[in-house]
Amino acid sequence: MRAVVEYLQGVDPEMAKVAGERYARMMMWAEEPHEYGLEALASGFKGCEKDVVRVLRDLLAKRLEYAAWGADGEEFHSGEQNARLVKDAEQYYKAMYYGRDESWNLRDRHMFETLVRVLKHRGKKGPAKAVVWAHNSHIGDARATSMGWSREELNIGQLCKETFGKQALSIGCSGNTGTVAAARRWDGDMSVMQVRPGLANSYEELMHASGVKSFVLDLREGHCDEKLRKALMRKRLERFIGVIYAPHTERQSHYSSAVLPEQFDGFIWFDETRHVGALEVHQPHVALEYDETWPFGL
């Protein structure tokens, strides 16, 4: 919200004042946005949807005028994206407390729509490419997992496949044992933990049984050995570890069913992984956001 107002101050001070007034009520929840979602459950709470939509609508209505202030439209693109983010976040935090699958879908649709806008913006002078680095639960095609089968959840990987087809390549990464930097619970501090070996009937167990410490598989039809691909087409468990790692409830918290060759185009395996190290000597204490990795890593 601050970025939108600051942008408008440079191109349209009057509109910046209007946007600041419309965002003022939403700013009350800027530090604890999940509380906005809780308020939305209360009867009579009107919310801020109309105000944040108006800011975006007015910004788009003056697209040509504002974009002319920059030679390449870069500043307008950033201002528009920030205004869209506010609108999508308002919907997301309300949806969190009504239906988790809906909030997950809203978030991944936002990721996808952001990607499309960036590609369009960067592709004005020729075809644009992008690399998206995200968790396996976002990158792999949700239609090949129990996310889609039983929870009707989609993700950015599915949306990219539906939109770009074979032009979109999805690559998953996994491991069997090693260490991970994560918290044990919400609002908990980060700690380095040992990862348990993959469960029975999981892809992790199968990959470990190969005895090969690390490898890459091209899972695309015609690029992978037919016998291997057929064997991997069997539905198995697959592990997802996010910002939370709860080994005591690992089966419920971190596993989903999947068909690997339909989920990913490529797969990178490390039998033993090492946690990501922080650059800071002392980690600043920042409260973890609610619902950030649902349904994985809880």
Protein backbone atom coordinates (compact mmCIF):
# COMPACT_ATOMS: atom_id res chain seq x y z
CA MET A 1 0.00 0.00 0.00
CA ARG A 2 2.83 2.40 0.84
CA ALA A 3 4.53 1.60 -2.48
CA VAL A 4 1.37 2.43 -4.44
CA VAL A 5 0.94 5.76 -2.66
CA GLU A 6 4.64 6.63 -3.11
CA TYR A 7 4.42 5.86 -6.82
CA LEU A 8 1.33 8.02 -7.25
CA GLN A 9 2.98 10.91 -5.39
CA GLY A 10 5.46 11.08 -8.25
CA VAL A 11 2.94 11.04 -11.10
CA ASP A 12 -0.37 12.26 -9.64
CA PRO A 13 -0.28 13.85 -6.14
CA GLU A 14 -4.06 14.26 -6.03
CA MET A 15 -4.61 10.58 -6.80
CA ALA A 16 -1.96 9.70 -4.21
CA LYS A 17 -4.02 11.53 -1.59
CA VAL A 18 -7.17 9.67 -2.62
CA ALA A 19 -5.36 6.30 -2.58
CA GLY A 20 -3.94 7.07 0.88
CA GLU A 21 -7.44 7.77 2.19
CA ARG A 22 -8.83 4.59 0.66
CA TYR A 23 -5.98 2.49 2.07
CA ALA A 24 -6.12 4.12 5.51
CA ARG A 25 -8.58 1.67 7.04
CA MET A 26 -6.75 -1.35 5.59
CA MET A 27 -3.50 -0.05 7.10
CA MET A 28 -4.87 -0.84 10.55
CA TRP A 29 -4.15 -4.51 9.83
CA ALA A 30 -0.80 -4.05 8.03
CA GLU A 31 1.24 -5.57 10.87
CA GLU A 32 -1.17 -8.42 11.69
CA PRO A 33 -3.06 -9.13 8.45
CA HIS A 34 -4.50 -12.43 9.68
CA GLU A 35 -6.55 -10.43 12.20
CA TYR A 36 -8.32 -8.81 9.24
CA GLY A 37 -9.49 -12.29 8.28
CA LEU A 38 -10.80 -12.86 11.79
CA GLU A 39 -12.69 -9.56 11.68
CA ALA A 40 -14.27 -10.67 8.41
CA LEU A 41 -16.04 -13.45 10.33
CA ALA A 42 -17.87 -10.90 12.45
CA SER A 43 -21.37 -9.98 11.35
CA GLY A 44 -21.68 -6.44 10.10
CA PHE A 45 -18.00 -6.13 9.12
CA LYS A 46 -17.96 -4.54 5.67
CA GLY A 47 -14.25 -4.95 5.01
CA CYS A 48 -12.09 -2.91 2.66
CA GLU A 49 -12.70 -4.67 -0.65
CA LYS A 50 -14.41 -1.75 -2.37
CA ASP A 51 -11.66 0.69 -1.38
CA VAL A 52 -8.73 -1.44 -2.59
CA VAL A 53 -10.53 -2.31 -5.84
CA ARG A 54 -11.19 1.38 -6.51
CA VAL A 55 -7.50 2.22 -6.18
CA LEU A 56 -6.59 -0.45 -8.75
CA ARG A 57 -9.46 0.53 -11.07
CA ASP A 58 -8.46 4.21 -11.02
CA LEU A 59 -4.82 3.31 -11.60
CA LEU A 60 -5.71 1.24 -14.66
CA ALA A 61 -8.02 3.96 -15.98
CA LYS A 62 -5.01 6.28 -16.25
CA ARG A 63 -2.65 3.65 -17.61
CA LEU A 64 -1.59 5.62 -20.69
CA GLU A 65 -1.12 8.86 -18.77
CA TYR A 66 0.94 7.31 -15.98
CA ALA A 67 2.99 5.00 -18.21
CA ALA A 68 4.12 8.01 -20.25
CA TRP A 69 6.12 9.25 -17.24
CA GLY A 70 8.65 6.45 -17.74
CA ALA A 71 10.32 5.52 -21.00
CA ASP A 72 9.71 1.80 -20.55
CA GLY A 73 6.65 1.84 -18.29
CA GLU A 74 8.64 0.09 -15.56
CA GLU A 75 7.39 2.31 -12.74
CA PHE A 76 3.76 1.96 -13.79
CA HIS A 77 4.17 -1.81 -14.02
CA SER A 78 5.45 -1.89 -10.43
CA GLY A 79 2.67 0.41 -9.21
CA GLU A 80 0.00 -1.71 -10.91
CA GLN A 81 1.45 -4.92 -9.51
CA ASN A 82 1.50 -3.54 -5.97
CA ALA A 83 -2.11 -2.39 -6.28
CA ARG A 84 -3.10 -5.85 -7.53
CA LEU A 85 -1.24 -7.42 -4.63
CA VAL A 86 -3.25 -5.38 -2.12
CA LYS A 87 -6.51 -6.42 -3.80
CA ASP A 88 -5.55 -10.11 -3.86
CA ALA A 89 -4.26 -10.03 -0.27
CA GLU A 90 -7.56 -8.57 0.95
CA GLN A 91 -9.40 -11.52 -0.61
CA TYR A 92 -6.82 -14.01 0.64
CA TYR A 93 -6.96 -13.06 4.32
CA LYS A 94 -10.76 -13.18 4.28
CA ALA A 95 -10.76 -16.58 2.59
CA MET A 96 -8.27 -18.04 5.10
CA TYR A 97 -10.96 -18.46 7.75
CA TYR A 98 -13.68 -19.71 5.44
CA GLY A 99 -11.98 -22.40 3.40
CA ARG A 100 -8.31 -23.34 3.30
CA ASP A 101 -8.49 -24.78 -0.20
CA GLU A 102 -9.96 -21.50 -1.42
CA SER A 103 -7.18 -19.45 0.20
CA TRP A 104 -4.52 -21.75 -1.29
CA ASN A 105 -6.07 -21.37 -4.75
CA LEU A 106 -6.26 -17.59 -4.43
CA ARG A 107 -2.59 -17.41 -3.52
CA ASP A 108 -1.41 -19.63 -6.37
CA ARG A 109 -3.61 -17.82 -8.87
CA HIS A 110 -1.98 -14.59 -7.72
CA MET A 111 1.46 -16.15 -8.29
CA PHE A 112 0.46 -17.26 -11.78
CA GLU A 113 -1.16 -13.97 -12.78
CA THR A 114 1.93 -12.13 -11.55
CA LEU A 115 4.14 -14.37 -13.68
CA VAL A 116 1.98 -13.74 -16.76
CA ARG A 117 2.10 -9.96 -16.26
CA VAL A 118 5.89 -10.02 -15.81
CA LEU A 119 6.31 -12.10 -18.99
CA LYS A 120 4.05 -9.75 -20.90
CA HIS A 121 5.87 -6.68 -19.61
CA ARG A 122 9.35 -8.08 -20.32
CA GLY A 123 8.29 -9.50 -23.68
CA LYS A 124 7.51 -6.21 -25.41
CA LYS A 125 10.75 -6.39 -27.42
CA GLY A 126 10.77 -10.15 -27.97
CA PRO A 127 9.88 -13.48 -26.34
CA ALA A 128 10.46 -13.49 -22.58
CA LYS A 129 11.46 -16.41 -20.37
CA ALA A 130 11.20 -16.81 -16.61
CA VAL A 131 12.47 -19.15 -13.92
CA VAL A 132 10.15 -19.66 -10.96
CA TRP A 133 11.73 -21.12 -7.83
CA ALA A 134 9.11 -22.44 -5.43
CA HIS A 135 8.17 -25.35 -3.21
CA ASN A 136 7.34 -28.67 -4.87
CA SER A 137 3.71 -28.30 -3.82
CA HIS A 138 3.50 -25.13 -5.96
CA ILE A 139 5.68 -26.22 -8.91
CA GLY A 140 4.43 -29.77 -9.54
CA ASP A 141 1.14 -30.12 -11.41
CA ALA A 142 -1.54 -30.37 -8.71
CA ARG A 143 -3.69 -32.53 -11.00
CA ALA A 144 -1.20 -35.37 -10.46
CA THR A 145 -1.44 -35.23 -6.65
CA SER A 146 -4.05 -35.65 -3.94
CA MET A 147 -4.07 -31.84 -3.74
CA GLY A 148 -6.19 -31.88 -6.87
CA TRP A 149 -7.77 -35.31 -6.50
CA SER A 150 -9.32 -34.88 -3.06
CA ARG A 151 -8.95 -31.22 -2.05
CA GLU A 152 -9.70 -29.51 -5.37
CA GLU A 153 -6.57 -27.39 -5.04
CA LEU A 154 -4.63 -26.02 -7.97
CA ASN A 155 -1.16 -24.48 -8.11
CA ILE A 156 1.10 -22.41 -10.31
CA GLY A 157 2.53 -25.55 -11.93
CA GLN A 158 -0.92 -26.70 -13.08
CA LEU A 159 -1.88 -23.23 -14.33
CA CYS A 160 1.38 -22.95 -16.30
CA LYS A 161 0.82 -26.36 -17.91
CA GLU A 162 -2.76 -25.48 -18.82
CA THR A 163 -1.68 -22.15 -20.32
CA PHE A 164 1.75 -22.79 -21.84
CA GLY A 165 1.68 -26.55 -22.42
CA LYS A 166 5.09 -28.03 -23.24
CA GLN A 167 6.69 -24.59 -23.15
CA ALA A 168 6.50 -24.86 -19.36
CA LEU A 169 8.94 -27.27 -17.70
CA SER A 170 8.48 -28.23 -14.07
CA ILE A 171 11.39 -29.69 -12.09
CA GLY A 172 11.05 -31.16 -8.61
CA CYS A 173 13.72 -31.71 -5.96
CA SER A 174 13.74 -34.19 -3.09
CA GLY A 175 15.89 -36.17 -0.68
CA ASN A 176 15.80 -38.97 1.84
CA THR A 177 17.74 -37.91 4.94
CA GLY A 178 20.00 -35.07 6.04
CA THR A 179 19.20 -31.78 7.73
CA VAL A 180 16.63 -29.03 7.24
CA ALA A 181 16.36 -25.50 8.65
CA ALA A 182 12.77 -25.03 9.81
CA ALA A 183 10.60 -24.30 12.81
CA ARG A 184 8.90 -27.01 14.84
CA ARG A 185 5.66 -25.05 15.19
CA TRP A 186 4.07 -21.75 14.22
CA ASP A 187 5.79 -18.79 15.93
CA GLY A 188 8.69 -21.10 16.81
CA ASP A 189 12.32 -20.23 16.19
CA MET A 190 14.24 -21.72 13.30
CA SER A 191 16.30 -24.77 14.17
CA VAL A 192 18.37 -27.30 12.25
CA MET A 193 16.72 -30.72 12.39
CA GLN A 194 17.50 -34.20 11.15
CA VAL A 195 15.17 -35.40 8.41
CA ARG A 196 13.66 -38.83 8.90
CA PRO A 197 14.08 -41.46 6.16
CA GLY A 198 11.27 -41.66 3.61
CA LEU A 199 8.20 -43.67 4.58
CA ALA A 200 7.33 -47.03 3.11
CA ASN A 201 5.64 -46.84 -0.31
CA SER A 202 7.06 -43.35 -0.89
CA TYR A 203 9.10 -42.02 -3.81
CA GLU A 204 11.76 -41.14 -1.25
CA GLU A 205 12.07 -44.77 -0.19
CA LEU A 206 12.19 -45.89 -3.83
CA MET A 207 14.90 -43.38 -4.82
CA HIS A 208 16.99 -44.25 -1.78
CA ALA A 209 16.77 -47.95 -2.65
CA SER A 210 18.56 -47.23 -5.95
CA GLY A 211 21.77 -46.75 -3.97
CA VAL A 212 22.71 -43.73 -6.12
CA LYS A 213 23.56 -40.67 -3.99
CA SER A 214 22.37 -38.05 -6.47
CA PHE A 215 20.89 -38.02 -9.95
CA VAL A 216 18.61 -36.19 -12.38
CA LEU A 217 15.69 -37.79 -14.22
CA ASP A 218 14.08 -36.46 -17.39
CA LEU A 219 10.56 -37.78 -16.85
CA ARG A 220 9.07 -36.63 -20.15
CA GLU A 221 7.63 -39.30 -22.42
CA GLY A 222 10.19 -40.17 -25.09
CA HIS A 223 13.05 -38.85 -22.96
CA CYS A 224 12.85 -41.38 -20.13
CA ASP A 225 13.39 -45.13 -20.27
CA GLU A 226 9.93 -46.64 -20.84
CA LYS A 227 10.26 -49.29 -18.13
CA LEU A 228 11.45 -46.74 -15.60
CA ARG A 229 8.70 -44.29 -16.45
CA LYS A 230 6.08 -47.03 -16.20
CA ALA A 231 7.39 -48.03 -12.76
CA LEU A 232 7.30 -44.41 -11.58
CA MET A 233 3.71 -43.98 -12.82
CA ARG A 234 2.49 -45.97 -9.83
CA LYS A 235 0.82 -43.73 -7.25
CA ARG A 236 3.08 -43.28 -4.22
CA LEU A 237 3.51 -41.02 -1.23
CA GLU A 238 5.68 -37.93 -1.68
CA ARG A 239 7.13 -35.73 1.05
CA PHE A 240 6.81 -31.93 1.23
CA ILE A 241 8.73 -29.98 3.87
CA GLY A 242 8.07 -26.24 4.20
CA VAL A 243 8.97 -23.64 6.81
CA ILE A 244 7.63 -26.07 9.43
CA TYR A 245 8.99 -29.56 9.99
CA ALA A 246 7.04 -31.75 12.42
CA PRO A 247 8.69 -35.19 12.36
CA HIS A 248 6.37 -36.49 15.10
CA THR A 249 3.37 -36.08 12.76
CA GLU A 250 5.28 -36.51 9.52
CA ARG A 251 2.76 -38.74 7.71
CA GLN A 252 -0.15 -36.35 8.26
CA SER A 253 1.84 -33.11 8.03
CA HIS A 254 4.26 -33.68 5.18
CA TYR A 255 3.06 -36.39 2.79
CA SER A 256 0.70 -36.35 -0.15
CA SER A 257 -0.04 -38.95 -2.83
CA ALA A 258 1.33 -38.29 -6.31
CA VAL A 259 2.15 -39.73 -9.74
CA LEU A 260 5.67 -38.39 -10.30
CA PRO A 261 5.96 -38.37 -14.16
CA GLU A 262 2.64 -36.53 -14.42
CA GLN A 263 3.59 -34.12 -11.66
CA PHE A 264 7.05 -33.11 -12.94
CA ASP A 265 8.95 -33.02 -16.23
CA GLY A 266 12.24 -33.51 -14.41
CA PHE A 267 13.32 -34.68 -10.97
CA ILE A 268 16.51 -33.95 -9.02
CA TRP A 269 17.49 -36.33 -6.22
CA PHE A 270 19.91 -35.92 -3.32
CA ASP A 271 19.95 -38.93 -1.02
CA GLU A 272 21.29 -36.76 1.79
CA THR A 273 20.54 -33.06 1.92
CA ARG A 274 22.04 -30.19 3.90
CA HIS A 275 20.05 -27.33 5.38
CA VAL A 276 20.21 -23.84 3.91
CA GLY A 277 22.49 -21.64 5.99
CA ALA A 278 21.50 -18.08 6.87
CA LEU A 279 23.78 -15.15 6.00
CA GLU A 280 22.95 -13.38 9.27
CA VAL A 281 24.97 -14.27 12.36
CA HIS A 282 21.85 -13.73 14.46
CA GLN A 283 18.45 -14.40 12.95
CA PRO A 284 16.03 -11.51 13.57
CA HIS A 285 12.86 -12.66 15.29
CA VAL A 286 9.98 -12.31 12.85
CA ALA A 287 6.62 -13.88 13.57
CA LEU A 288 5.69 -16.52 11.00
CA GLU A 289 2.61 -15.79 8.97
CA TYR A 290 -0.50 -17.92 9.47
CA ASP A 291 -1.55 -20.42 6.84
CA GLU A 292 1.56 -19.76 4.76
CA THR A 293 2.26 -23.30 3.68
CA TRP A 294 -1.12 -24.99 4.02
CA PRO A 295 -1.67 -27.89 3.44
CA PHE A 296 2.00 -28.84 3.67
CA GLY A 297 4.37 -28.34 6.56
CA LEU A 298 1.76 -28.04 9.33
